[in-house]
Amino acid sequence: MKARNLLILLIVGLYSCVTVNIYFPAQEAKQKAKEIVNQIRGKASKVQPKPTSFLQIIPKAYAADVLNTTNAKIRALKQAMKIRFQKMKPYYRAGYLGETLNGFLKIYRQPKSLKDRLKLKKLVAKENHDRNLLYKEVARVLHINSSQIDRLRRIFAKQWQDTAPSGTYIQTATGWVRK
């Protein structure tokens, strides 16, 4: 009797082992990041080609639905970041700012004037705060598990780096390069 109960427990235990796969919509996240960063940086987005068959319509319709998910919080963050970007452009071009691999902005080198250093420090702090809020809100809208936000940040980091003005320092796996 004991052996039978033990065997049943062992079988139930084996069947109850579950592997949890956390869904991460990589393509949707890349498209959303590109859309948001382009809007903030004032770059035009490329128009998607129209689907040619019924089988192409369904995924496009789903992706369009996901990408159109926005809310007041995301819109407000984008607007604030767009205004701030205009103020930070001279600092990017002068080589004071660097775009990191984790989606945040870094003061790469300091301006000479104390007034400019303080102004830049405040701008960068506010920008990084808003980026962090943006990543969390995009993750929420795209139903991305909070454990995957670092992955989302890296996706955004590529977009920030790709659209950074010339003069910006870009962090790579091997160090920093100036764009």
N, C-alpha and C. Protein backbone atom coordinates (compact mmCIF):
# COMPACT_ATOMS: atom_id res chain seq x y z
N MET A 1 0.82 -1.20 0.00
CA MET A 1 0.00 0.00 0.00
C MET A 1 0.86 1.26 0.00
N LYS A 2 1.91 1.25 0.81
CA LYS A 2 2.79 2.41 0.88
C LYS A 2 3.47 2.66 -0.45
N ALA A 3 3.93 1.61 -1.09
CA ALA A 3 4.63 1.75 -2.37
C ALA A 3 3.68 2.32 -3.42
N ARG A 4 2.42 1.87 -3.40
CA ARG A 4 1.44 2.35 -4.37
C ARG A 4 1.16 3.85 -4.17
N ASN A 5 0.99 4.26 -2.91
CA ASN A 5 0.76 5.68 -2.60
C ASN A 5 1.97 6.53 -2.99
N LEU A 6 3.15 6.00 -2.74
CA LEU A 6 4.37 6.71 -3.11
C LEU A 6 4.48 6.85 -4.62
N LEU A 7 4.12 5.78 -5.35
CA LEU A 7 4.14 5.83 -6.81
C LEU A 7 3.14 6.85 -7.34
N ILE A 8 1.96 6.89 -6.75
CA ILE A 8 0.93 7.86 -7.16
C ILE A 8 1.43 9.28 -6.88
N LEU A 9 2.01 9.50 -5.73
CA LEU A 9 2.55 10.82 -5.40
C LEU A 9 3.65 11.23 -6.37
N LEU A 10 4.50 10.28 -6.72
CA LEU A 10 5.57 10.56 -7.66
C LEU A 10 5.02 10.92 -9.03
N ILE A 11 4.03 10.19 -9.50
CA ILE A 11 3.42 10.47 -10.81
C ILE A 11 2.74 11.83 -10.80
N VAL A 12 1.97 12.13 -9.75
CA VAL A 12 1.29 13.42 -9.63
C VAL A 12 2.33 14.54 -9.57
N GLY A 13 3.40 14.32 -8.85
CA GLY A 13 4.46 15.32 -8.74
C GLY A 13 5.11 15.61 -10.08
N LEU A 14 5.36 14.56 -10.86
CA LEU A 14 5.96 14.75 -12.18
C LEU A 14 5.02 15.49 -13.11
N TYR A 15 3.75 15.18 -13.08
CA TYR A 15 2.79 15.85 -13.95
C TYR A 15 2.52 17.30 -13.52
N SER A 16 2.77 17.59 -12.27
CA SER A 16 2.48 18.95 -11.80
C SER A 16 3.64 19.91 -12.05
N CYS A 17 4.78 19.39 -12.48
CA CYS A 17 5.89 20.27 -12.84
C CYS A 17 5.50 21.06 -14.09
N VAL A 18 5.57 22.36 -13.97
CA VAL A 18 5.14 23.21 -15.07
C VAL A 18 6.27 24.17 -15.42
N THR A 19 6.49 24.33 -16.69
CA THR A 19 7.44 25.32 -17.16
C THR A 19 6.64 26.55 -17.55
N VAL A 20 7.02 27.69 -17.00
CA VAL A 20 6.32 28.92 -17.31
C VAL A 20 7.16 29.71 -18.31
N ASN A 21 6.58 29.94 -19.45
CA ASN A 21 7.23 30.78 -20.46
C ASN A 21 6.62 32.17 -20.36
N ILE A 22 7.48 33.17 -20.19
CA ILE A 22 6.99 34.53 -20.11
C ILE A 22 6.98 35.10 -21.52
N TYR A 23 5.80 35.53 -21.93
CA TYR A 23 5.62 36.06 -23.28
C TYR A 23 6.26 37.44 -23.38
N PHE A 24 7.03 37.62 -24.43
CA PHE A 24 7.62 38.92 -24.70
C PHE A 24 7.39 39.24 -26.17
N PRO A 25 6.54 40.22 -26.45
CA PRO A 25 6.24 40.58 -27.85
C PRO A 25 7.35 41.44 -28.46
N ALA A 26 8.44 40.79 -28.83
CA ALA A 26 9.63 41.52 -29.28
C ALA A 26 9.35 42.42 -30.47
N GLN A 27 8.66 41.91 -31.48
CA GLN A 27 8.41 42.71 -32.68
C GLN A 27 7.53 43.92 -32.35
N GLU A 28 6.50 43.71 -31.56
CA GLU A 28 5.61 44.81 -31.18
C GLU A 28 6.36 45.84 -30.34
N ALA A 29 7.24 45.36 -29.45
CA ALA A 29 8.03 46.27 -28.61
C ALA A 29 8.97 47.10 -29.47
N LYS A 30 9.61 46.48 -30.47
CA LYS A 30 10.51 47.22 -31.37
C LYS A 30 9.74 48.28 -32.15
N GLN A 31 8.58 47.91 -32.65
CA GLN A 31 7.78 48.88 -33.41
C GLN A 31 7.30 50.02 -32.53
N LYS A 32 6.87 49.69 -31.32
CA LYS A 32 6.40 50.72 -30.39
C LYS A 32 7.55 51.65 -30.01
N ALA A 33 8.73 51.09 -29.73
CA ALA A 33 9.89 51.90 -29.37
C ALA A 33 10.25 52.84 -30.52
N LYS A 34 10.27 52.31 -31.72
CA LYS A 34 10.61 53.13 -32.89
C LYS A 34 9.60 54.25 -33.07
N GLU A 35 8.33 53.93 -32.94
CA GLU A 35 7.27 54.94 -33.07
C GLU A 35 7.42 56.05 -32.03
N ILE A 36 7.60 55.67 -30.79
CA ILE A 36 7.69 56.64 -29.69
C ILE A 36 8.95 57.51 -29.83
N VAL A 37 10.09 56.88 -30.04
CA VAL A 37 11.34 57.64 -30.13
C VAL A 37 11.31 58.57 -31.33
N ASN A 38 10.79 58.10 -32.46
CA ASN A 38 10.69 58.97 -33.64
C ASN A 38 9.78 60.16 -33.38
N GLN A 39 8.70 59.96 -32.65
CA GLN A 39 7.82 61.08 -32.32
C GLN A 39 8.52 62.07 -31.40
N ILE A 40 9.25 61.58 -30.44
CA ILE A 40 9.96 62.46 -29.50
C ILE A 40 11.07 63.21 -30.22
N ARG A 41 11.79 62.53 -31.08
CA ARG A 41 12.94 63.13 -31.75
C ARG A 41 12.55 63.86 -33.04
N GLY A 42 11.25 63.85 -33.39
CA GLY A 42 10.79 64.59 -34.56
C GLY A 42 11.18 63.95 -35.88
N LYS A 43 11.33 62.64 -35.89
CA LYS A 43 11.66 61.92 -37.12
C LYS A 43 10.39 61.32 -37.70
N ALA A 44 10.30 61.29 -39.02
CA ALA A 44 9.13 60.72 -39.69
C ALA A 44 9.22 59.20 -39.68
N SER A 45 8.11 58.54 -39.36
CA SER A 45 8.05 57.09 -39.41
C SER A 45 7.76 56.65 -40.83
N LYS A 46 8.32 55.51 -41.22
CA LYS A 46 8.07 54.97 -42.54
C LYS A 46 6.69 54.33 -42.58
N VAL A 47 5.99 54.51 -43.69
CA VAL A 47 4.66 53.93 -43.85
C VAL A 47 4.80 52.45 -44.17
N GLN A 48 4.00 51.62 -43.48
CA GLN A 48 4.01 50.19 -43.71
C GLN A 48 3.34 49.87 -45.03
N PRO A 49 3.86 48.91 -45.83
CA PRO A 49 3.20 48.53 -47.07
C PRO A 49 1.88 47.83 -46.77
N LYS A 50 0.91 47.98 -47.68
CA LYS A 50 -0.39 47.36 -47.50
C LYS A 50 -0.28 45.86 -47.71
N PRO A 51 -1.01 45.06 -46.89
CA PRO A 51 -0.96 43.62 -47.06
C PRO A 51 -1.57 43.21 -48.40
N THR A 52 -1.03 42.13 -48.96
CA THR A 52 -1.51 41.69 -50.27
C THR A 52 -2.39 40.45 -50.20
N SER A 53 -2.44 39.79 -49.06
CA SER A 53 -3.30 38.61 -48.95
C SER A 53 -4.02 38.61 -47.62
N PHE A 54 -5.06 37.79 -47.54
CA PHE A 54 -5.86 37.69 -46.33
C PHE A 54 -5.00 37.24 -45.15
N LEU A 55 -4.06 36.33 -45.40
CA LEU A 55 -3.21 35.82 -44.33
C LEU A 55 -2.30 36.90 -43.75
N GLN A 56 -1.99 37.92 -44.53
CA GLN A 56 -1.17 39.01 -44.03
C GLN A 56 -1.99 40.03 -43.26
N ILE A 57 -3.27 40.08 -43.49
CA ILE A 57 -4.14 41.08 -42.85
C ILE A 57 -4.27 40.81 -41.36
N ILE A 58 -4.45 39.56 -40.96
CA ILE A 58 -4.71 39.23 -39.56
C ILE A 58 -3.54 39.65 -38.66
N PRO A 59 -2.28 39.24 -38.95
CA PRO A 59 -1.19 39.69 -38.08
C PRO A 59 -1.02 41.21 -38.10
N LYS A 60 -1.19 41.84 -39.26
CA LYS A 60 -1.05 43.30 -39.35
C LYS A 60 -2.12 43.97 -38.51
N ALA A 61 -3.35 43.44 -38.56
CA ALA A 61 -4.43 44.04 -37.79
C ALA A 61 -4.14 43.91 -36.30
N TYR A 62 -3.63 42.75 -35.86
CA TYR A 62 -3.29 42.56 -34.46
C TYR A 62 -2.16 43.52 -34.06
N ALA A 63 -1.11 43.58 -34.90
CA ALA A 63 0.02 44.47 -34.59
C ALA A 63 -0.43 45.92 -34.56
N ALA A 64 -1.30 46.31 -35.49
CA ALA A 64 -1.80 47.69 -35.50
C ALA A 64 -2.57 47.98 -34.23
N ASP A 65 -3.34 47.01 -33.76
CA ASP A 65 -4.11 47.17 -32.54
C ASP A 65 -3.17 47.36 -31.35
N VAL A 66 -2.11 46.55 -31.30
CA VAL A 66 -1.14 46.66 -30.21
C VAL A 66 -0.43 48.01 -30.26
N LEU A 67 -0.02 48.43 -31.47
CA LEU A 67 0.73 49.68 -31.60
C LEU A 67 -0.13 50.90 -31.34
N ASN A 68 -1.41 50.79 -31.56
CA ASN A 68 -2.28 51.93 -31.33
C ASN A 68 -2.66 52.05 -29.86
N THR A 69 -2.26 51.09 -29.06
CA THR A 69 -2.55 51.19 -27.64
C THR A 69 -1.66 52.26 -27.04
N THR A 70 -2.27 53.31 -26.65
CA THR A 70 -1.57 54.40 -25.99
C THR A 70 -2.53 54.96 -24.96
N ASN A 71 -2.06 55.80 -24.15
CA ASN A 71 -2.93 56.38 -23.13
C ASN A 71 -2.42 57.78 -22.79
N ALA A 72 -3.14 58.42 -21.93
CA ALA A 72 -2.81 59.80 -21.57
C ALA A 72 -1.41 59.90 -20.94
N LYS A 73 -1.04 58.90 -20.18
CA LYS A 73 0.27 58.93 -19.52
C LYS A 73 1.40 58.88 -20.55
N ILE A 74 1.28 57.99 -21.53
CA ILE A 74 2.31 57.89 -22.57
C ILE A 74 2.35 59.16 -23.40
N ARG A 75 1.19 59.68 -23.75
CA ARG A 75 1.15 60.92 -24.54
C ARG A 75 1.80 62.08 -23.78
N ALA A 76 1.52 62.20 -22.49
CA ALA A 76 2.10 63.28 -21.68
C ALA A 76 3.62 63.12 -21.57
N LEU A 77 4.08 61.89 -21.37
CA LEU A 77 5.52 61.65 -21.28
C LEU A 77 6.21 61.99 -22.61
N LYS A 78 5.61 61.56 -23.71
CA LYS A 78 6.20 61.87 -25.03
C LYS A 78 6.29 63.37 -25.24
N GLN A 79 5.23 64.09 -24.87
CA GLN A 79 5.22 65.54 -25.08
C GLN A 79 6.31 66.22 -24.25
N ALA A 80 6.42 65.84 -22.98
CA ALA A 80 7.45 66.43 -22.11
C ALA A 80 8.85 66.10 -22.63
N MET A 81 9.03 64.88 -23.10
CA MET A 81 10.34 64.46 -23.59
C MET A 81 10.68 65.15 -24.91
N LYS A 82 9.69 65.40 -25.72
CA LYS A 82 9.90 66.09 -26.99
C LYS A 82 10.38 67.53 -26.74
N ILE A 83 9.74 68.21 -25.81
CA ILE A 83 10.14 69.58 -25.45
C ILE A 83 11.55 69.57 -24.86
N ARG A 84 11.81 68.62 -23.98
CA ARG A 84 13.13 68.54 -23.33
C ARG A 84 14.22 68.22 -24.36
N PHE A 85 13.90 67.38 -25.33
CA PHE A 85 14.89 67.02 -26.35
C PHE A 85 15.40 68.27 -27.08
N GLN A 86 14.52 69.20 -27.36
CA GLN A 86 14.93 70.43 -28.03
C GLN A 86 15.92 71.22 -27.16
N LYS A 87 15.70 71.21 -25.85
CA LYS A 87 16.62 71.90 -24.93
C LYS A 87 17.96 71.17 -24.82
N MET A 88 17.95 69.85 -25.00
CA MET A 88 19.17 69.06 -24.83
C MET A 88 19.99 68.92 -26.11
N LYS A 89 19.41 69.26 -27.25
CA LYS A 89 20.13 69.09 -28.53
C LYS A 89 21.52 69.70 -28.53
N PRO A 90 21.69 70.94 -28.06
CA PRO A 90 23.05 71.51 -28.06
C PRO A 90 24.03 70.69 -27.20
N TYR A 91 23.53 70.11 -26.12
CA TYR A 91 24.39 69.29 -25.25
C TYR A 91 24.78 67.98 -25.93
N TYR A 92 23.83 67.39 -26.67
CA TYR A 92 24.15 66.19 -27.45
C TYR A 92 25.26 66.51 -28.45
N ARG A 93 25.05 67.57 -29.23
CA ARG A 93 25.98 67.93 -30.31
C ARG A 93 27.36 68.30 -29.79
N ALA A 94 27.41 68.89 -28.60
CA ALA A 94 28.69 69.28 -28.01
C ALA A 94 29.43 68.10 -27.38
N GLY A 95 28.78 66.93 -27.37
CA GLY A 95 29.43 65.74 -26.83
C GLY A 95 29.35 65.61 -25.32
N TYR A 96 28.40 66.29 -24.72
CA TYR A 96 28.24 66.18 -23.27
C TYR A 96 27.39 64.98 -22.86
N LEU A 97 26.59 64.48 -23.79
CA LEU A 97 25.64 63.42 -23.45
C LEU A 97 25.97 62.11 -24.14
N GLY A 98 25.63 61.02 -23.45
CA GLY A 98 25.82 59.69 -24.00
C GLY A 98 24.56 58.86 -23.83
N GLU A 99 24.25 58.08 -24.85
CA GLU A 99 23.13 57.14 -24.80
C GLU A 99 23.67 55.78 -24.39
N THR A 100 23.18 55.25 -23.29
CA THR A 100 23.70 54.00 -22.75
C THR A 100 23.02 52.78 -23.40
N LEU A 101 23.54 51.62 -23.10
CA LEU A 101 22.97 50.36 -23.60
C LEU A 101 21.69 49.97 -22.88
N ASN A 102 21.44 50.59 -21.72
CA ASN A 102 20.25 50.21 -20.96
C ASN A 102 19.10 51.22 -21.10
N GLY A 103 19.19 52.10 -22.09
CA GLY A 103 18.08 52.99 -22.39
C GLY A 103 18.02 54.27 -21.59
N PHE A 104 19.09 54.60 -20.91
CA PHE A 104 19.12 55.84 -20.14
C PHE A 104 20.17 56.78 -20.71
N LEU A 105 20.07 58.02 -20.31
CA LEU A 105 20.98 59.07 -20.75
C LEU A 105 22.05 59.26 -19.67
N LYS A 106 23.26 59.53 -20.11
CA LYS A 106 24.38 59.72 -19.17
C LYS A 106 25.10 61.01 -19.55
N ILE A 107 25.53 61.72 -18.55
CA ILE A 107 26.40 62.87 -18.80
C ILE A 107 27.79 62.28 -19.06
N TYR A 108 28.22 62.37 -20.30
CA TYR A 108 29.49 61.77 -20.68
C TYR A 108 30.66 62.65 -20.24
N ARG A 109 30.50 63.95 -20.44
CA ARG A 109 31.49 64.91 -19.93
C ARG A 109 30.76 66.20 -19.55
N GLN A 110 31.35 66.94 -18.67
CA GLN A 110 30.70 68.13 -18.09
C GLN A 110 30.99 69.39 -18.90
N PRO A 111 29.99 70.27 -19.01
CA PRO A 111 30.25 71.60 -19.58
C PRO A 111 31.16 72.39 -18.64
N LYS A 112 31.81 73.40 -19.16
CA LYS A 112 32.74 74.20 -18.34
C LYS A 112 32.02 75.09 -17.34
N SER A 113 30.91 75.68 -17.75
CA SER A 113 30.22 76.62 -16.87
C SER A 113 29.38 75.87 -15.82
N LEU A 114 29.43 76.37 -14.59
CA LEU A 114 28.66 75.78 -13.50
C LEU A 114 27.17 75.83 -13.79
N LYS A 115 26.72 76.93 -14.37
CA LYS A 115 25.31 77.10 -14.71
C LYS A 115 24.86 76.01 -15.70
N ASP A 116 25.69 75.76 -16.73
CA ASP A 116 25.37 74.72 -17.71
C ASP A 116 25.42 73.32 -17.09
N ARG A 117 26.36 73.10 -16.18
CA ARG A 117 26.45 71.79 -15.52
C ARG A 117 25.19 71.51 -14.71
N LEU A 118 24.73 72.51 -13.97
CA LEU A 118 23.51 72.34 -13.17
C LEU A 118 22.29 72.13 -14.06
N LYS A 119 22.19 72.92 -15.11
CA LYS A 119 21.07 72.79 -16.04
C LYS A 119 21.06 71.40 -16.68
N LEU A 120 22.23 70.95 -17.13
CA LEU A 120 22.34 69.64 -17.77
C LEU A 120 22.00 68.51 -16.80
N LYS A 121 22.47 68.65 -15.57
CA LYS A 121 22.20 67.62 -14.56
C LYS A 121 20.69 67.48 -14.33
N LYS A 122 19.98 68.61 -14.24
CA LYS A 122 18.53 68.59 -14.04
C LYS A 122 17.81 67.99 -15.25
N LEU A 123 18.24 68.38 -16.45
CA LEU A 123 17.62 67.85 -17.67
C LEU A 123 17.79 66.33 -17.76
N VAL A 124 19.00 65.85 -17.47
CA VAL A 124 19.27 64.42 -17.56
C VAL A 124 18.49 63.65 -16.49
N ALA A 125 18.43 64.19 -15.29
CA ALA A 125 17.67 63.53 -14.22
C ALA A 125 16.19 63.41 -14.59
N LYS A 126 15.63 64.48 -15.11
CA LYS A 126 14.22 64.47 -15.50
C LYS A 126 13.99 63.52 -16.69
N GLU A 127 14.91 63.55 -17.65
CA GLU A 127 14.79 62.67 -18.81
C GLU A 127 14.83 61.20 -18.39
N ASN A 128 15.78 60.85 -17.54
CA ASN A 128 15.88 59.45 -17.10
C ASN A 128 14.67 59.04 -16.27
N HIS A 129 14.16 59.95 -15.49
CA HIS A 129 12.95 59.66 -14.72
C HIS A 129 11.78 59.38 -15.66
N ASP A 130 11.62 60.24 -16.67
CA ASP A 130 10.52 60.05 -17.63
C ASP A 130 10.72 58.80 -18.48
N ARG A 131 11.95 58.50 -18.85
CA ARG A 131 12.20 57.28 -19.62
C ARG A 131 11.81 56.05 -18.79
N ASN A 132 12.17 56.06 -17.53
CA ASN A 132 11.82 54.94 -16.66
C ASN A 132 10.30 54.76 -16.59
N LEU A 133 9.57 55.87 -16.41
CA LEU A 133 8.11 55.81 -16.39
C LEU A 133 7.56 55.32 -17.73
N LEU A 134 8.16 55.79 -18.81
CA LEU A 134 7.73 55.39 -20.15
C LEU A 134 7.91 53.88 -20.34
N TYR A 135 9.04 53.35 -19.95
CA TYR A 135 9.29 51.91 -20.10
C TYR A 135 8.25 51.09 -19.32
N LYS A 136 7.98 51.52 -18.11
CA LYS A 136 7.00 50.80 -17.29
C LYS A 136 5.61 50.86 -17.90
N GLU A 137 5.24 52.03 -18.43
CA GLU A 137 3.91 52.19 -19.01
C GLU A 137 3.78 51.42 -20.33
N VAL A 138 4.81 51.44 -21.15
CA VAL A 138 4.78 50.67 -22.40
C VAL A 138 4.70 49.18 -22.07
N ALA A 139 5.45 48.74 -21.08
CA ALA A 139 5.39 47.33 -20.66
C ALA A 139 3.97 46.98 -20.21
N ARG A 140 3.35 47.87 -19.48
CA ARG A 140 1.98 47.61 -19.01
C ARG A 140 1.01 47.53 -20.20
N VAL A 141 1.13 48.46 -21.12
CA VAL A 141 0.23 48.51 -22.29
C VAL A 141 0.42 47.28 -23.19
N LEU A 142 1.67 46.84 -23.34
CA LEU A 142 1.95 45.68 -24.19
C LEU A 142 1.85 44.35 -23.44
N HIS A 143 1.44 44.42 -22.17
CA HIS A 143 1.29 43.22 -21.33
C HIS A 143 2.62 42.46 -21.20
N ILE A 144 3.68 43.22 -20.97
CA ILE A 144 5.00 42.63 -20.78
C ILE A 144 5.23 42.49 -19.28
N ASN A 145 5.65 41.33 -18.88
CA ASN A 145 5.91 41.04 -17.48
C ASN A 145 7.00 41.98 -16.96
N SER A 146 6.86 42.42 -15.73
CA SER A 146 7.82 43.37 -15.15
C SER A 146 9.24 42.80 -15.11
N SER A 147 9.37 41.49 -15.11
CA SER A 147 10.71 40.89 -15.13
C SER A 147 11.40 41.08 -16.47
N GLN A 148 10.66 41.53 -17.49
CA GLN A 148 11.21 41.70 -18.83
C GLN A 148 11.46 43.17 -19.20
N ILE A 149 11.33 44.08 -18.22
CA ILE A 149 11.51 45.51 -18.52
C ILE A 149 12.93 45.82 -18.97
N ASP A 150 13.93 45.11 -18.44
CA ASP A 150 15.31 45.34 -18.90
C ASP A 150 15.43 45.06 -20.40
N ARG A 151 14.77 44.04 -20.85
CA ARG A 151 14.77 43.70 -22.27
C ARG A 151 14.12 44.83 -23.10
N LEU A 152 13.03 45.37 -22.59
CA LEU A 152 12.35 46.48 -23.24
C LEU A 152 13.26 47.71 -23.27
N ARG A 153 13.97 47.98 -22.18
CA ARG A 153 14.90 49.12 -22.13
C ARG A 153 15.98 49.00 -23.20
N ARG A 154 16.51 47.79 -23.39
CA ARG A 154 17.55 47.58 -24.40
C ARG A 154 17.00 47.83 -25.81
N ILE A 155 15.74 47.47 -26.04
CA ILE A 155 15.11 47.74 -27.34
C ILE A 155 15.00 49.24 -27.55
N PHE A 156 14.55 49.96 -26.52
CA PHE A 156 14.46 51.42 -26.61
C PHE A 156 15.85 52.03 -26.77
N ALA A 157 16.85 51.47 -26.08
CA ALA A 157 18.22 52.01 -26.14
C ALA A 157 18.71 52.06 -27.58
N LYS A 158 18.44 51.01 -28.33
CA LYS A 158 18.85 50.99 -29.74
C LYS A 158 18.20 52.12 -30.52
N GLN A 159 16.93 52.39 -30.26
CA GLN A 159 16.24 53.47 -30.95
C GLN A 159 16.79 54.83 -30.54
N TRP A 160 17.05 55.01 -29.23
CA TRP A 160 17.63 56.28 -28.77
C TRP A 160 18.98 56.50 -29.45
N GLN A 161 19.80 55.45 -29.50
CA GLN A 161 21.12 55.57 -30.10
C GLN A 161 21.04 55.84 -31.60
N ASP A 162 20.14 55.14 -32.28
CA ASP A 162 20.00 55.30 -33.74
C ASP A 162 19.55 56.71 -34.12
N THR A 163 18.76 57.35 -33.28
CA THR A 163 18.21 58.67 -33.61
C THR A 163 18.93 59.82 -32.91
N ALA A 164 19.98 59.51 -32.17
CA ALA A 164 20.72 60.55 -31.45
C ALA A 164 21.39 61.51 -32.44
N PRO A 165 21.44 62.79 -32.10
CA PRO A 165 22.11 63.76 -32.97
C PRO A 165 23.61 63.47 -33.07
N SER A 166 24.21 63.92 -34.15
CA SER A 166 25.66 63.75 -34.28
C SER A 166 26.33 64.49 -33.13
N GLY A 167 27.41 63.94 -32.66
CA GLY A 167 28.11 64.50 -31.50
C GLY A 167 27.81 63.73 -30.23
N THR A 168 26.74 62.95 -30.22
CA THR A 168 26.36 62.17 -29.05
C THR A 168 27.31 61.00 -28.87
N TYR A 169 27.63 60.70 -27.63
CA TYR A 169 28.41 59.50 -27.34
C TYR A 169 27.45 58.32 -27.22
N ILE A 170 27.83 57.21 -27.83
CA ILE A 170 27.01 56.01 -27.86
C ILE A 170 27.77 54.90 -27.14
N GLN A 171 27.13 54.28 -26.18
CA GLN A 171 27.76 53.17 -25.48
C GLN A 171 27.60 51.90 -26.31
N THR A 172 28.70 51.17 -26.47
CA THR A 172 28.68 49.89 -27.17
C THR A 172 29.16 48.82 -26.19
N ALA A 173 29.16 47.59 -26.63
CA ALA A 173 29.63 46.50 -25.77
C ALA A 173 31.12 46.63 -25.46
N THR A 174 31.86 47.35 -26.30
CA THR A 174 33.30 47.49 -26.10
C THR A 174 33.74 48.85 -25.59
N GLY A 175 32.80 49.77 -25.40
CA GLY A 175 33.15 51.10 -24.91
C GLY A 175 32.26 52.17 -25.51
N TRP A 176 32.75 53.39 -25.53
CA TRP A 176 31.98 54.53 -26.02
C TRP A 176 32.55 55.00 -27.35
N VAL A 177 31.64 55.39 -28.25
CA VAL A 177 32.05 55.98 -29.52
C VAL A 177 31.22 57.24 -29.73
N ARG A 178 31.79 58.17 -30.45
CA ARG A 178 31.06 59.41 -30.72
C ARG A 178 30.41 59.32 -32.08
N LYS A 179 29.16 59.64 -32.11
CA LYS A 179 28.39 59.55 -33.34
C LYS A 179 28.68 60.74 -34.23
